Amino acid sequence: MWEKGKTLLSLLLLLDVMNPVSVFAVEKPTPLSLGEQVQKAKKELEKLKTEAKGKRKKDVAIRKKEASILSLLEEMDHKVRIRQEDAYLIELKIREKEREMEELSGTIIRLNGEIREKKGLISKRLRIIYQERKNTVVKTLFGSRDYPNFLRRFYYLKVIAKKEGEMLSFFKKQ
């Protein structure tokens, strides 16, 4: 059997030598292919380094952009809060002005009532003056019985003239 094994082994060796691809081939690294592998590994390493460097640069740029956007958002948020505070203050002022307007409306209504009342008094007085004509003051003064009565009537006519003057000036102002 040993003979058969030798024959088989020699046949295989013969085939191995004649065949460019060895049956028993175990790849042995040759110095050239090993150098090529080293060069290939170095190129791959350089490629990975440049990719990593590019990615780091992109990452830094993205982080800067993110920080810029966050800063912008914070600034906009701050502006919105300021605008909201301004709007709140404006609303308060509007409410205050509305209250003032209501008070003024009440005052205007009251003053209009007073003006109508004064107008009525003035028109009554004018009617009386028209009815009695020009000589009412003279009639009143000379209708007195004695000197103290004359002075009293004179004083009352003076007070009436003063009040009518105040009423007319008040009416003119309003």
N, C-alpha and C. Protein backbone atom coordinates (compact mmCIF):
# COMPACT_ATOMS: atom_id res chain seq x y z
N MET A 1 0.82 -1.14 0.00
CA MET A 1 0.00 0.00 0.00
C MET A 1 0.90 1.24 0.00
N TRP A 2 1.98 1.05 0.58
CA TRP A 2 2.94 2.13 0.60
C TRP A 2 3.35 2.46 -0.80
N GLU A 3 3.44 1.50 -1.64
CA GLU A 3 3.80 1.68 -3.02
C GLU A 3 2.73 2.47 -3.75
N LYS A 4 1.54 2.14 -3.50
CA LYS A 4 0.45 2.86 -4.14
C LYS A 4 0.44 4.32 -3.68
N GLY A 5 0.74 4.54 -2.44
CA GLY A 5 0.74 5.89 -1.89
C GLY A 5 1.87 6.70 -2.48
N LYS A 6 3.05 6.02 -2.69
CA LYS A 6 4.17 6.72 -3.27
C LYS A 6 3.85 7.12 -4.70
N THR A 7 3.25 6.23 -5.41
CA THR A 7 2.92 6.47 -6.79
C THR A 7 1.92 7.62 -6.87
N LEU A 8 0.97 7.59 -6.04
CA LEU A 8 -0.04 8.64 -6.03
C LEU A 8 0.58 9.98 -5.67
N LEU A 9 1.47 9.95 -4.75
CA LEU A 9 2.12 11.17 -4.32
C LEU A 9 3.02 11.70 -5.42
N SER A 10 3.76 10.85 -6.08
CA SER A 10 4.62 11.31 -7.15
C SER A 10 3.79 11.81 -8.32
N LEU A 11 2.67 11.21 -8.57
CA LEU A 11 1.78 11.66 -9.64
C LEU A 11 1.24 13.06 -9.31
N LEU A 12 0.90 13.24 -8.12
CA LEU A 12 0.39 14.53 -7.70
C LEU A 12 1.49 15.59 -7.79
N LEU A 13 2.66 15.27 -7.40
CA LEU A 13 3.76 16.21 -7.48
C LEU A 13 4.05 16.56 -8.93
N LEU A 14 3.98 15.58 -9.79
CA LEU A 14 4.20 15.83 -11.20
C LEU A 14 3.13 16.76 -11.75
N LEU A 15 1.92 16.52 -11.38
CA LEU A 15 0.82 17.38 -11.82
C LEU A 15 0.99 18.80 -11.26
N ASP A 16 1.47 18.85 -10.04
CA ASP A 16 1.65 20.15 -9.39
C ASP A 16 2.72 20.95 -10.09
N VAL A 17 3.76 20.32 -10.52
CA VAL A 17 4.85 21.03 -11.17
C VAL A 17 4.40 21.49 -12.54
N MET A 18 3.63 20.71 -13.24
CA MET A 18 3.21 21.05 -14.59
C MET A 18 2.06 22.08 -14.58
N ASN A 19 1.29 22.05 -13.59
CA ASN A 19 0.15 22.96 -13.49
C ASN A 19 0.61 24.27 -12.84
N PRO A 20 0.27 25.42 -13.48
CA PRO A 20 0.70 26.68 -12.87
C PRO A 20 0.01 26.94 -11.52
N VAL A 21 -1.18 26.40 -11.40
CA VAL A 21 -1.87 26.56 -10.12
C VAL A 21 -1.64 25.27 -9.37
N SER A 22 -1.00 25.39 -8.27
CA SER A 22 -0.59 24.23 -7.51
C SER A 22 -1.78 23.66 -6.76
N VAL A 23 -1.80 22.36 -6.70
CA VAL A 23 -2.85 21.68 -5.95
C VAL A 23 -2.55 21.84 -4.47
N PHE A 24 -1.30 21.82 -4.11
CA PHE A 24 -0.89 21.95 -2.72
C PHE A 24 -0.50 23.39 -2.38
N ALA A 25 -0.96 24.26 -3.19
CA ALA A 25 -0.50 25.63 -3.05
C ALA A 25 -0.97 26.24 -1.74
N VAL A 26 -0.03 26.73 -1.05
CA VAL A 26 -0.28 27.52 0.13
C VAL A 26 0.37 28.84 -0.20
N GLU A 27 -0.41 29.84 -0.19
CA GLU A 27 0.13 31.11 -0.62
C GLU A 27 1.17 31.57 0.36
N LYS A 28 2.30 31.77 -0.20
CA LYS A 28 3.37 32.29 0.59
C LYS A 28 3.51 33.74 0.20
N PRO A 29 3.52 34.62 1.16
CA PRO A 29 3.67 36.03 0.81
C PRO A 29 5.05 36.26 0.23
N THR A 30 5.03 36.86 -0.89
CA THR A 30 6.29 37.20 -1.50
C THR A 30 6.62 38.61 -1.08
N PRO A 31 7.90 38.95 -1.05
CA PRO A 31 8.23 40.29 -0.60
C PRO A 31 7.56 41.35 -1.46
N LEU A 32 7.35 41.11 -2.72
CA LEU A 32 6.72 42.08 -3.59
C LEU A 32 5.24 42.22 -3.25
N SER A 33 4.55 41.12 -3.11
CA SER A 33 3.14 41.20 -2.80
C SER A 33 2.93 41.74 -1.38
N LEU A 34 3.84 41.47 -0.49
CA LEU A 34 3.75 42.00 0.86
C LEU A 34 3.95 43.50 0.84
N GLY A 35 4.88 43.99 0.05
CA GLY A 35 5.10 45.43 -0.11
C GLY A 35 3.89 46.09 -0.73
N GLU A 36 3.32 45.38 -1.72
CA GLU A 36 2.12 45.92 -2.33
C GLU A 36 0.99 46.01 -1.31
N GLN A 37 0.91 44.98 -0.49
CA GLN A 37 -0.14 44.99 0.54
C GLN A 37 0.08 46.14 1.53
N VAL A 38 1.32 46.36 1.88
CA VAL A 38 1.64 47.45 2.80
C VAL A 38 1.27 48.78 2.15
N GLN A 39 1.66 48.93 0.88
CA GLN A 39 1.32 50.16 0.16
C GLN A 39 -0.19 50.34 0.07
N LYS A 40 -0.86 49.21 -0.21
CA LYS A 40 -2.31 49.25 -0.32
C LYS A 40 -2.92 49.64 1.04
N ALA A 41 -2.39 49.07 2.10
CA ALA A 41 -2.89 49.37 3.44
C ALA A 41 -2.61 50.84 3.78
N LYS A 42 -1.41 51.33 3.39
CA LYS A 42 -1.08 52.74 3.64
C LYS A 42 -2.03 53.65 2.88
N LYS A 43 -2.30 53.31 1.62
CA LYS A 43 -3.24 54.12 0.83
C LYS A 43 -4.62 54.10 1.47
N GLU A 44 -5.03 52.92 1.88
CA GLU A 44 -6.35 52.79 2.53
C GLU A 44 -6.39 53.61 3.81
N LEU A 45 -5.28 53.57 4.58
CA LEU A 45 -5.19 54.32 5.82
C LEU A 45 -5.24 55.83 5.53
N GLU A 46 -4.51 56.28 4.51
CA GLU A 46 -4.54 57.69 4.12
C GLU A 46 -5.94 58.11 3.69
N LYS A 47 -6.56 57.24 2.92
CA LYS A 47 -7.91 57.51 2.45
C LYS A 47 -8.86 57.65 3.65
N LEU A 48 -8.74 56.74 4.60
CA LEU A 48 -9.59 56.79 5.81
C LEU A 48 -9.28 58.05 6.63
N LYS A 49 -7.98 58.42 6.70
CA LYS A 49 -7.61 59.63 7.43
C LYS A 49 -8.22 60.86 6.79
N THR A 50 -8.11 60.95 5.45
CA THR A 50 -8.68 62.12 4.77
C THR A 50 -10.20 62.14 4.91
N GLU A 51 -10.83 60.96 4.83
CA GLU A 51 -12.29 60.91 5.03
C GLU A 51 -12.65 61.36 6.45
N ALA A 52 -11.87 60.87 7.44
CA ALA A 52 -12.13 61.25 8.83
C ALA A 52 -11.92 62.75 9.02
N LYS A 53 -10.85 63.27 8.40
CA LYS A 53 -10.58 64.70 8.51
C LYS A 53 -11.71 65.51 7.88
N GLY A 54 -12.17 65.08 6.71
CA GLY A 54 -13.29 65.74 6.04
C GLY A 54 -14.56 65.67 6.89
N LYS A 55 -14.78 64.50 7.48
CA LYS A 55 -15.96 64.35 8.32
C LYS A 55 -15.87 65.21 9.57
N ARG A 56 -14.64 65.31 10.12
CA ARG A 56 -14.45 66.18 11.30
C ARG A 56 -14.74 67.64 10.93
N LYS A 57 -14.22 68.05 9.76
CA LYS A 57 -14.47 69.42 9.31
C LYS A 57 -15.97 69.65 9.11
N LYS A 58 -16.63 68.67 8.47
CA LYS A 58 -18.07 68.79 8.29
C LYS A 58 -18.79 68.84 9.64
N ASP A 59 -18.33 67.99 10.57
CA ASP A 59 -18.93 67.95 11.89
C ASP A 59 -18.76 69.29 12.60
N VAL A 60 -17.55 69.86 12.51
CA VAL A 60 -17.30 71.17 13.12
C VAL A 60 -18.18 72.23 12.47
N ALA A 61 -18.28 72.18 11.14
CA ALA A 61 -19.12 73.15 10.43
C ALA A 61 -20.59 72.99 10.83
N ILE A 62 -21.02 71.74 10.94
CA ILE A 62 -22.41 71.48 11.34
C ILE A 62 -22.64 71.98 12.77
N ARG A 63 -21.69 71.73 13.66
CA ARG A 63 -21.84 72.20 15.05
C ARG A 63 -21.88 73.73 15.11
N LYS A 64 -21.02 74.37 14.30
CA LYS A 64 -21.04 75.84 14.27
C LYS A 64 -22.38 76.33 13.75
N LYS A 65 -22.87 75.70 12.70
CA LYS A 65 -24.16 76.09 12.14
C LYS A 65 -25.27 75.84 13.16
N GLU A 66 -25.19 74.72 13.85
CA GLU A 66 -26.19 74.41 14.88
C GLU A 66 -26.14 75.45 16.00
N ALA A 67 -24.93 75.81 16.43
CA ALA A 67 -24.79 76.83 17.48
C ALA A 67 -25.33 78.17 16.98
N SER A 68 -25.06 78.49 15.72
CA SER A 68 -25.56 79.74 15.15
C SER A 68 -27.09 79.74 15.11
N ILE A 69 -27.67 78.63 14.70
CA ILE A 69 -29.12 78.53 14.63
C ILE A 69 -29.72 78.60 16.03
N LEU A 70 -29.10 77.92 16.99
CA LEU A 70 -29.60 77.97 18.37
C LEU A 70 -29.51 79.39 18.92
N SER A 71 -28.41 80.06 18.62
CA SER A 71 -28.26 81.45 19.06
C SER A 71 -29.34 82.33 18.44
N LEU A 72 -29.58 82.12 17.16
CA LEU A 72 -30.62 82.88 16.46
C LEU A 72 -31.99 82.60 17.05
N LEU A 73 -32.27 81.33 17.36
CA LEU A 73 -33.55 80.97 17.97
C LEU A 73 -33.71 81.61 19.34
N GLU A 74 -32.64 81.61 20.13
CA GLU A 74 -32.70 82.25 21.45
C GLU A 74 -32.96 83.74 21.31
N GLU A 75 -32.29 84.36 20.36
CA GLU A 75 -32.48 85.80 20.13
C GLU A 75 -33.92 86.08 19.70
N MET A 76 -34.44 85.26 18.80
CA MET A 76 -35.82 85.44 18.34
C MET A 76 -36.80 85.20 19.50
N ASP A 77 -36.52 84.21 20.33
CA ASP A 77 -37.37 83.93 21.48
C ASP A 77 -37.36 85.12 22.43
N HIS A 78 -36.18 85.69 22.63
CA HIS A 78 -36.07 86.87 23.50
C HIS A 78 -36.88 88.03 22.92
N LYS A 79 -36.77 88.24 21.61
CA LYS A 79 -37.53 89.31 20.97
C LYS A 79 -39.04 89.07 21.09
N VAL A 80 -39.44 87.80 20.95
CA VAL A 80 -40.87 87.47 21.08
C VAL A 80 -41.35 87.79 22.50
N ARG A 81 -40.54 87.42 23.50
CA ARG A 81 -40.92 87.71 24.90
C ARG A 81 -41.03 89.22 25.11
N ILE A 82 -40.09 89.98 24.55
CA ILE A 82 -40.15 91.45 24.68
C ILE A 82 -41.41 91.97 24.01
N ARG A 83 -41.72 91.47 22.82
CA ARG A 83 -42.93 91.91 22.10
C ARG A 83 -44.18 91.55 22.90
N GLN A 84 -44.18 90.37 23.53
CA GLN A 84 -45.33 89.98 24.34
C GLN A 84 -45.49 90.91 25.54
N GLU A 85 -44.38 91.25 26.17
CA GLU A 85 -44.44 92.19 27.29
C GLU A 85 -44.95 93.55 26.82
N ASP A 86 -44.44 94.00 25.67
CA ASP A 86 -44.90 95.28 25.10
C ASP A 86 -46.40 95.22 24.81
N ALA A 87 -46.83 94.11 24.23
CA ALA A 87 -48.25 93.95 23.90
C ALA A 87 -49.10 93.98 25.17
N TYR A 88 -48.61 93.33 26.22
CA TYR A 88 -49.33 93.33 27.50
C TYR A 88 -49.43 94.74 28.06
N LEU A 89 -48.33 95.48 28.01
CA LEU A 89 -48.35 96.86 28.50
C LEU A 89 -49.29 97.73 27.66
N ILE A 90 -49.28 97.52 26.37
CA ILE A 90 -50.17 98.28 25.49
C ILE A 90 -51.63 97.95 25.81
N GLU A 91 -51.91 96.67 26.06
CA GLU A 91 -53.28 96.28 26.43
C GLU A 91 -53.70 96.96 27.72
N LEU A 92 -52.78 97.02 28.69
CA LEU A 92 -53.09 97.71 29.94
C LEU A 92 -53.39 99.18 29.69
N LYS A 93 -52.57 99.83 28.86
CA LYS A 93 -52.79 101.24 28.53
C LYS A 93 -54.13 101.42 27.82
N ILE A 94 -54.45 100.49 26.93
CA ILE A 94 -55.73 100.57 26.22
C ILE A 94 -56.89 100.49 27.20
N ARG A 95 -56.80 99.54 28.14
CA ARG A 95 -57.86 99.42 29.15
C ARG A 95 -57.98 100.70 29.98
N GLU A 96 -56.82 101.26 30.34
CA GLU A 96 -56.83 102.50 31.12
C GLU A 96 -57.47 103.63 30.32
N LYS A 97 -57.11 103.74 29.04
CA LYS A 97 -57.68 104.78 28.19
C LYS A 97 -59.19 104.56 28.01
N GLU A 98 -59.61 103.31 27.90
CA GLU A 98 -61.04 103.03 27.78
C GLU A 98 -61.78 103.47 29.03
N ARG A 99 -61.17 103.22 30.21
CA ARG A 99 -61.79 103.68 31.46
C ARG A 99 -61.87 105.20 31.49
N GLU A 100 -60.79 105.85 31.07
CA GLU A 100 -60.79 107.31 31.02
C GLU A 100 -61.86 107.81 30.05
N MET A 101 -62.00 107.12 28.91
CA MET A 101 -63.01 107.53 27.94
C MET A 101 -64.42 107.37 28.53
N GLU A 102 -64.63 106.29 29.27
CA GLU A 102 -65.94 106.11 29.90
C GLU A 102 -66.21 107.23 30.90
N GLU A 103 -65.19 107.57 31.70
CA GLU A 103 -65.34 108.67 32.66
C GLU A 103 -65.63 109.98 31.93
N LEU A 104 -64.87 110.23 30.85
CA LEU A 104 -65.08 111.45 30.08
C LEU A 104 -66.46 111.47 29.43
N SER A 105 -66.92 110.30 28.97
CA SER A 105 -68.26 110.24 28.39
C SER A 105 -69.30 110.62 29.43
N GLY A 106 -69.12 110.10 30.64
CA GLY A 106 -70.04 110.46 31.73
C GLY A 106 -69.99 111.94 32.02
N THR A 107 -68.77 112.49 32.03
CA THR A 107 -68.60 113.93 32.27
C THR A 107 -69.25 114.74 31.17
N ILE A 108 -69.07 114.32 29.93
CA ILE A 108 -69.67 115.02 28.79
C ILE A 108 -71.19 115.00 28.89
N ILE A 109 -71.73 113.85 29.23
CA ILE A 109 -73.19 113.74 29.37
C ILE A 109 -73.67 114.69 30.47
N ARG A 110 -72.96 114.69 31.60
CA ARG A 110 -73.33 115.57 32.71
C ARG A 110 -73.23 117.04 32.28
N LEU A 111 -72.14 117.42 31.61
CA LEU A 111 -71.96 118.80 31.16
C LEU A 111 -73.01 119.20 30.13
N ASN A 112 -73.35 118.27 29.24
CA ASN A 112 -74.40 118.57 28.27
C ASN A 112 -75.73 118.85 28.98
N GLY A 113 -75.99 118.07 30.03
CA GLY A 113 -77.20 118.32 30.83
C GLY A 113 -77.16 119.70 31.48
N GLU A 114 -75.98 120.04 32.03
CA GLU A 114 -75.84 121.36 32.66
C GLU A 114 -76.00 122.47 31.62
N ILE A 115 -75.45 122.27 30.43
CA ILE A 115 -75.55 123.28 29.37
C ILE A 115 -77.02 123.46 28.98
N ARG A 116 -77.74 122.34 28.83
CA ARG A 116 -79.16 122.45 28.49
C ARG A 116 -79.92 123.20 29.58
N GLU A 117 -79.57 122.89 30.83
CA GLU A 117 -80.21 123.58 31.96
C GLU A 117 -79.91 125.08 31.91
N LYS A 118 -78.62 125.42 31.70
CA LYS A 118 -78.22 126.84 31.64
C LYS A 118 -78.89 127.53 30.45
N LYS A 119 -78.96 126.81 29.33
CA LYS A 119 -79.62 127.38 28.15
C LYS A 119 -81.08 127.70 28.47
N GLY A 120 -81.72 126.77 29.17
CA GLY A 120 -83.11 126.99 29.56
C GLY A 120 -83.24 128.21 30.45
N LEU A 121 -82.31 128.35 31.42
CA LEU A 121 -82.35 129.51 32.31
C LEU A 121 -82.12 130.81 31.54
N ILE A 122 -81.17 130.78 30.61
CA ILE A 122 -80.87 131.98 29.83
C ILE A 122 -82.06 132.35 28.95
N SER A 123 -82.66 131.34 28.32
CA SER A 123 -83.80 131.65 27.45
C SER A 123 -84.97 132.17 28.28
N LYS A 124 -85.20 131.65 29.50
CA LYS A 124 -86.26 132.19 30.38
C LYS A 124 -85.96 133.63 30.74
N ARG A 125 -84.69 133.90 31.09
CA ARG A 125 -84.32 135.27 31.49
C ARG A 125 -84.47 136.22 30.31
N LEU A 126 -84.06 135.78 29.13
CA LEU A 126 -84.21 136.63 27.95
C LEU A 126 -85.69 136.91 27.66
N ARG A 127 -86.51 135.90 27.84
CA ARG A 127 -87.94 136.08 27.62
C ARG A 127 -88.50 137.11 28.59
N ILE A 128 -88.08 137.01 29.87
CA ILE A 128 -88.54 137.97 30.88
C ILE A 128 -88.06 139.37 30.53
N ILE A 129 -86.78 139.46 30.13
CA ILE A 129 -86.24 140.78 29.77
C ILE A 129 -87.00 141.34 28.58
N TYR A 130 -87.30 140.50 27.62
CA TYR A 130 -88.02 140.95 26.43
C TYR A 130 -89.44 141.40 26.80
N GLN A 131 -90.07 140.64 27.67
CA GLN A 131 -91.44 140.98 28.05
C GLN A 131 -91.50 142.28 28.84
N GLU A 132 -90.55 142.55 29.67
CA GLU A 132 -90.59 143.75 30.50
C GLU A 132 -89.92 144.94 29.84
N ARG A 133 -89.28 144.71 28.77
CA ARG A 133 -88.63 145.76 27.97
C ARG A 133 -87.44 146.37 28.67
N LYS A 134 -87.14 147.62 28.30
CA LYS A 134 -85.90 148.26 28.72
C LYS A 134 -85.98 148.84 30.13
N ASN A 135 -87.05 149.22 30.59
CA ASN A 135 -87.15 150.00 31.82
C ASN A 135 -87.30 149.16 33.08
N THR A 136 -87.00 147.90 33.09
CA THR A 136 -87.19 147.05 34.28
C THR A 136 -86.28 147.45 35.42
N VAL A 137 -85.05 147.79 35.13
CA VAL A 137 -84.11 148.18 36.19
C VAL A 137 -84.57 149.49 36.81
N VAL A 138 -84.98 150.42 35.98
CA VAL A 138 -85.41 151.72 36.47
C VAL A 138 -86.69 151.56 37.29
N LYS A 139 -87.64 150.75 36.81
CA LYS A 139 -88.88 150.51 37.55
C LYS A 139 -88.60 149.89 38.91
N THR A 140 -87.66 148.90 38.92
CA THR A 140 -87.35 148.22 40.16
C THR A 140 -86.73 149.18 41.16
N LEU A 141 -85.81 150.00 40.72
CA LEU A 141 -85.14 150.93 41.64
C LEU A 141 -86.10 152.02 42.14
N PHE A 142 -86.87 152.57 41.23
CA PHE A 142 -87.75 153.67 41.64
C PHE A 142 -89.03 153.18 42.31
N GLY A 143 -89.22 151.88 42.32
CA GLY A 143 -90.39 151.35 43.02
C GLY A 143 -90.12 151.16 44.51
N SER A 144 -88.97 151.53 44.96
CA SER A 144 -88.63 151.37 46.38
C SER A 144 -89.32 152.44 47.21
N ARG A 145 -89.62 152.13 48.45
CA ARG A 145 -90.34 153.03 49.33
C ARG A 145 -89.43 154.00 50.04
N ASP A 146 -88.24 153.54 50.35
CA ASP A 146 -87.31 154.42 51.06
C ASP A 146 -85.88 154.13 50.62
N TYR A 147 -84.93 154.87 51.21
CA TYR A 147 -83.54 154.75 50.78
C TYR A 147 -82.95 153.38 51.10
N PRO A 148 -83.15 152.79 52.27
CA PRO A 148 -82.60 151.45 52.53
C PRO A 148 -83.20 150.42 51.56
N ASN A 149 -84.46 150.51 51.23
CA ASN A 149 -85.08 149.61 50.28
C ASN A 149 -84.45 149.82 48.90
N PHE A 150 -84.13 151.05 48.54
CA PHE A 150 -83.47 151.37 47.28
C PHE A 150 -82.09 150.70 47.22
N LEU A 151 -81.33 150.80 48.33
CA LEU A 151 -79.99 150.20 48.37
C LEU A 151 -80.07 148.66 48.28
N ARG A 152 -81.05 148.11 48.96
CA ARG A 152 -81.23 146.66 48.93
C ARG A 152 -81.57 146.23 47.51
N ARG A 153 -82.47 146.89 46.84
CA ARG A 153 -82.84 146.57 45.46
C ARG A 153 -81.64 146.75 44.52
N PHE A 154 -80.89 147.80 44.76
CA PHE A 154 -79.70 148.04 43.95
C PHE A 154 -78.70 146.89 44.11
N TYR A 155 -78.53 146.46 45.36
CA TYR A 155 -77.62 145.35 45.66
C TYR A 155 -78.10 144.07 44.96
N TYR A 156 -79.38 143.75 45.02
CA TYR A 156 -79.93 142.55 44.38
C TYR A 156 -79.80 142.62 42.86
N LEU A 157 -80.04 143.79 42.29
CA LEU A 157 -79.87 143.94 40.85
C LEU A 157 -78.41 143.71 40.45
N LYS A 158 -77.49 144.16 41.32
CA LYS A 158 -76.07 143.95 41.07
C LYS A 158 -75.73 142.46 41.13
N VAL A 159 -76.29 141.76 42.13
CA VAL A 159 -76.04 140.30 42.26
C VAL A 159 -76.62 139.57 41.06
N ILE A 160 -77.84 139.96 40.65
CA ILE A 160 -78.47 139.31 39.50
C ILE A 160 -77.63 139.56 38.24
N ALA A 161 -77.14 140.76 38.05
CA ALA A 161 -76.31 141.08 36.88
C ALA A 161 -75.02 140.27 36.91
N LYS A 162 -74.45 140.15 38.09
CA LYS A 162 -73.20 139.38 38.22
C LYS A 162 -73.45 137.91 37.89
N LYS A 163 -74.52 137.32 38.42
CA LYS A 163 -74.84 135.90 38.17
C LYS A 163 -75.15 135.68 36.69
N GLU A 164 -75.92 136.60 36.08
CA GLU A 164 -76.21 136.47 34.66
C GLU A 164 -74.92 136.57 33.83
N GLY A 165 -74.02 137.46 34.23
CA GLY A 165 -72.73 137.57 33.53
C GLY A 165 -71.92 136.29 33.67
N GLU A 166 -71.89 135.70 34.86
CA GLU A 166 -71.17 134.44 35.07
C GLU A 166 -71.80 133.32 34.24
N MET A 167 -73.15 133.30 34.22
CA MET A 167 -73.84 132.26 33.47
C MET A 167 -73.54 132.40 31.98
N LEU A 168 -73.54 133.62 31.46
CA LEU A 168 -73.24 133.82 30.04
C LEU A 168 -71.78 133.47 29.72
N SER A 169 -70.87 133.87 30.59
CA SER A 169 -69.45 133.53 30.33
C SER A 169 -69.23 132.03 30.42
N PHE A 170 -69.90 131.37 31.37
CA PHE A 170 -69.82 129.89 31.47
C PHE A 170 -70.37 129.25 30.22
N PHE A 171 -71.48 129.76 29.74
CA PHE A 171 -72.09 129.22 28.53
C PHE A 171 -71.19 129.42 27.32
N LYS A 172 -70.53 130.58 27.25
CA LYS A 172 -69.62 130.85 26.13
C LYS A 172 -68.42 129.89 26.17
N LYS A 173 -67.91 129.60 27.38
CA LYS A 173 -66.76 128.68 27.49
C LYS A 173 -67.10 127.29 27.01
N GLN A 174 -68.30 126.88 27.33
CA GLN A 174 -68.65 125.51 26.99
C GLN A 174 -69.36 125.46 25.67
